[in-house]
Protein backbone atom coordinates (compact mmCIF):
# COMPACT_ATOMS: atom_id res chain seq x y z
CA MET A 1 -15.36 -4.19 -8.16
CA VAL A 2 -13.80 -3.51 -4.74
CA GLU A 3 -16.35 -0.75 -4.10
CA MET A 4 -19.19 -3.13 -5.00
CA VAL A 5 -18.01 -5.91 -2.70
CA CYS A 6 -16.62 -3.90 0.23
CA GLY A 7 -19.23 -1.15 0.17
CA VAL A 8 -22.49 -2.14 -1.47
CA LEU A 9 -22.48 -5.89 -0.75
CA ALA A 10 -21.06 -5.50 2.78
CA GLY A 11 -23.75 -2.99 3.73
CA ALA A 12 -21.09 -0.34 4.42
CA ALA A 13 -20.63 3.20 3.11
CA PHE A 14 -19.74 3.46 -0.58
CA GLY A 15 -18.92 6.12 -3.14
CA THR A 16 -19.56 9.66 -1.92
CA ASN A 17 -21.18 8.25 1.24
CA VAL A 18 -17.71 7.37 2.56
CA GLY A 19 -17.04 11.08 3.09
CA GLN A 20 -14.16 11.80 5.41
CA ALA A 21 -13.83 8.22 6.67
CA CYS A 22 -10.48 7.73 4.91
CA ASN A 23 -9.11 11.20 5.61
CA PRO A 24 -6.48 10.94 8.38
CA ASN A 25 -6.71 14.72 8.86
CA ALA A 26 -10.43 14.63 9.65
CA VAL A 27 -9.78 14.85 13.40
CA SER A 28 -13.11 16.52 14.13
CA ARG A 29 -15.08 13.65 12.57
CA THR A 30 -17.48 12.16 15.12
CA GLU A 31 -19.44 9.66 13.01
CA PRO A 32 -18.19 6.07 12.66
CA ALA A 33 -16.21 5.37 9.50
CA ASN A 34 -18.53 2.51 8.36
CA LEU A 35 -15.91 1.02 6.08
CA GLY A 36 -16.63 -2.48 4.75
CA GLN A 37 -14.19 -5.33 4.33
CA CYS A 38 -14.22 -8.39 2.12
CA PHE A 39 -11.93 -11.40 2.36
CA VAL A 40 -12.02 -14.09 -0.30
CA ALA A 41 -10.35 -17.52 -0.29
CA LEU A 42 -10.15 -19.36 -3.60
CA ASP A 43 -9.16 -22.90 -4.48
CA LEU A 44 -7.32 -21.94 -7.65
CA ASP A 45 -7.02 -25.53 -8.88
CA ALA A 46 -10.83 -25.74 -8.81
CA PHE A 47 -10.89 -23.25 -11.68
CA THR A 48 -8.39 -25.02 -13.88
CA PRO A 49 -6.01 -27.91 -13.28
CA GLY A 50 -2.35 -26.92 -13.29
CA TYR A 51 -2.88 -23.34 -12.14
CA ALA A 52 0.60 -23.06 -10.56
CA GLU A 53 2.33 -24.30 -13.72
CA ARG A 54 0.26 -21.96 -15.92
CA LEU A 55 1.04 -19.03 -13.65
CA GLN A 56 4.76 -19.87 -13.76
CA ALA A 57 4.59 -19.91 -17.58
CA LEU A 58 3.02 -16.43 -17.51
CA VAL A 59 5.73 -15.14 -15.16
CA GLU A 60 8.41 -16.54 -17.47
CA GLN A 61 6.74 -14.85 -20.45
CA MET A 62 6.72 -11.55 -18.57
CA HIS A 63 10.37 -11.93 -17.58
CA GLY A 64 11.19 -12.64 -21.23
CA LEU A 65 9.82 -9.29 -22.39
CA PRO A 66 12.32 -6.55 -23.20
CA PRO A 67 12.27 -3.80 -20.57
CA ALA A 68 11.44 -0.22 -21.51
CA ASP A 69 14.48 1.87 -22.40
CA ASP A 70 14.22 3.89 -19.19
CA ALA A 71 13.15 1.02 -16.91
CA GLY A 72 16.46 0.62 -15.12
CA GLY A 73 15.98 -3.11 -14.76
CA PRO A 74 14.17 -6.21 -15.99
CA VAL A 75 10.42 -6.64 -16.32
CA LEU A 76 8.92 -7.62 -12.97
CA VAL A 77 5.56 -9.12 -12.05
CA PRO A 78 3.30 -7.80 -9.25
CA GLY A 79 4.81 -8.44 -5.82
CA GLU A 80 8.28 -9.22 -7.14
CA LEU A 81 9.82 -5.87 -6.19
CA GLU A 82 8.40 -6.21 -2.68
CA GLN A 83 9.72 -9.78 -2.44
CA GLN A 84 13.21 -8.59 -3.47
CA SER A 85 13.02 -5.74 -0.95
CA SER A 86 11.94 -8.11 1.83
CA LYS A 87 14.82 -10.49 1.05
CA ARG A 88 17.31 -7.59 1.04
CA GLN A 89 15.92 -6.22 4.31
CA ARG A 90 16.13 -9.62 6.01
CA ALA A 91 19.81 -9.82 5.03
CA GLU A 92 20.87 -6.16 5.46
CA GLY A 93 18.29 -4.64 7.80
CA ILE A 94 15.26 -2.43 7.35
CA GLU A 95 15.92 1.07 6.07
CA LEU A 96 14.41 3.79 8.23
CA HIS A 97 14.45 7.50 7.52
CA GLU A 98 16.54 9.37 10.05
CA ASN A 99 13.43 11.18 11.34
CA VAL A 100 11.90 7.80 12.21
CA CYS A 101 15.11 6.80 13.99
CA SER A 102 15.09 10.10 15.85
CA SER A 103 11.49 9.55 16.97
CA LEU A 104 12.33 6.02 18.11
CA LEU A 105 15.28 7.34 20.12
CA ARG A 106 13.14 9.96 21.85
CA LEU A 107 10.49 7.34 22.65
CA ALA A 108 13.15 4.91 23.92
CA SER A 109 14.58 7.65 26.14
CA LYS A 110 11.14 8.42 27.60
CA THR A 111 10.32 4.76 28.25
CA GLY A 112 13.75 3.46 29.24
CA VAL A 113 13.97 1.01 26.35
CA LYS A 114 17.47 0.00 25.23
CA VAL A 115 18.36 1.49 21.83
CA PRO A 116 19.75 -0.80 19.11
CA ALA A 117 23.33 0.17 18.19
CA SER A 118 22.31 0.51 14.56
CA ILE A 119 20.25 3.64 15.28
CA ALA A 120 22.17 4.97 18.28
CA HIS A 121 24.21 7.30 16.03
CA VAL A 122 21.16 9.42 15.18
CA ASP A 123 20.99 12.79 16.93
CA PRO A 124 17.49 12.79 18.51
CA GLY A 125 17.46 16.59 18.79
CA LEU A 126 18.15 17.21 15.12
CA GLY A 127 16.77 14.10 13.49
CA LEU A 128 19.97 13.90 11.48
CA LEU A 129 22.79 11.42 11.22
CA LYS A 130 25.83 12.60 13.17
CA PRO A 131 29.03 13.15 11.12
CA SER A 132 30.57 10.10 12.79
CA ALA A 133 27.82 7.85 11.45
CA PRO A 134 28.95 4.97 9.20
CA GLU A 135 26.68 6.11 6.34
CA GLN A 136 25.80 9.62 5.32
CA LYS A 137 22.50 8.88 3.56
CA ASP A 138 18.98 10.07 4.27
CA VAL A 139 18.14 6.63 5.63
CA ALA A 140 19.66 4.54 8.38
CA SER A 141 19.80 0.74 8.33
CA VAL A 142 18.38 -1.06 11.32
């Protein structure tokens, strides 16, 4: 469906015609990507009255299902994990891999930008957390 709307209907490349357009390693590509886009806005209540209430009932049904034995948590609906992650990150900070922190430190050093204290403990030469860092994980909280 996405291919039909974003490729065929949009007049853009589709199927095997896309070629290397989506390959980030195709540095020698000289032709334009010709990738189509489609944005759709729907008035959901125009389809059926009470859409929000019906959707909430579906979410409650999904939450009421027993999780798989190896799930490690309750049944979630699409977007719920991301919503939980966003809420946690707003409260605790965004987790960045130490290599990302190291790159940010090098860039800050080159440009003279002040470094946030939360990533200042990363060794920019090694891309590793220094032993004096508050956490010894493979990510650093910002």
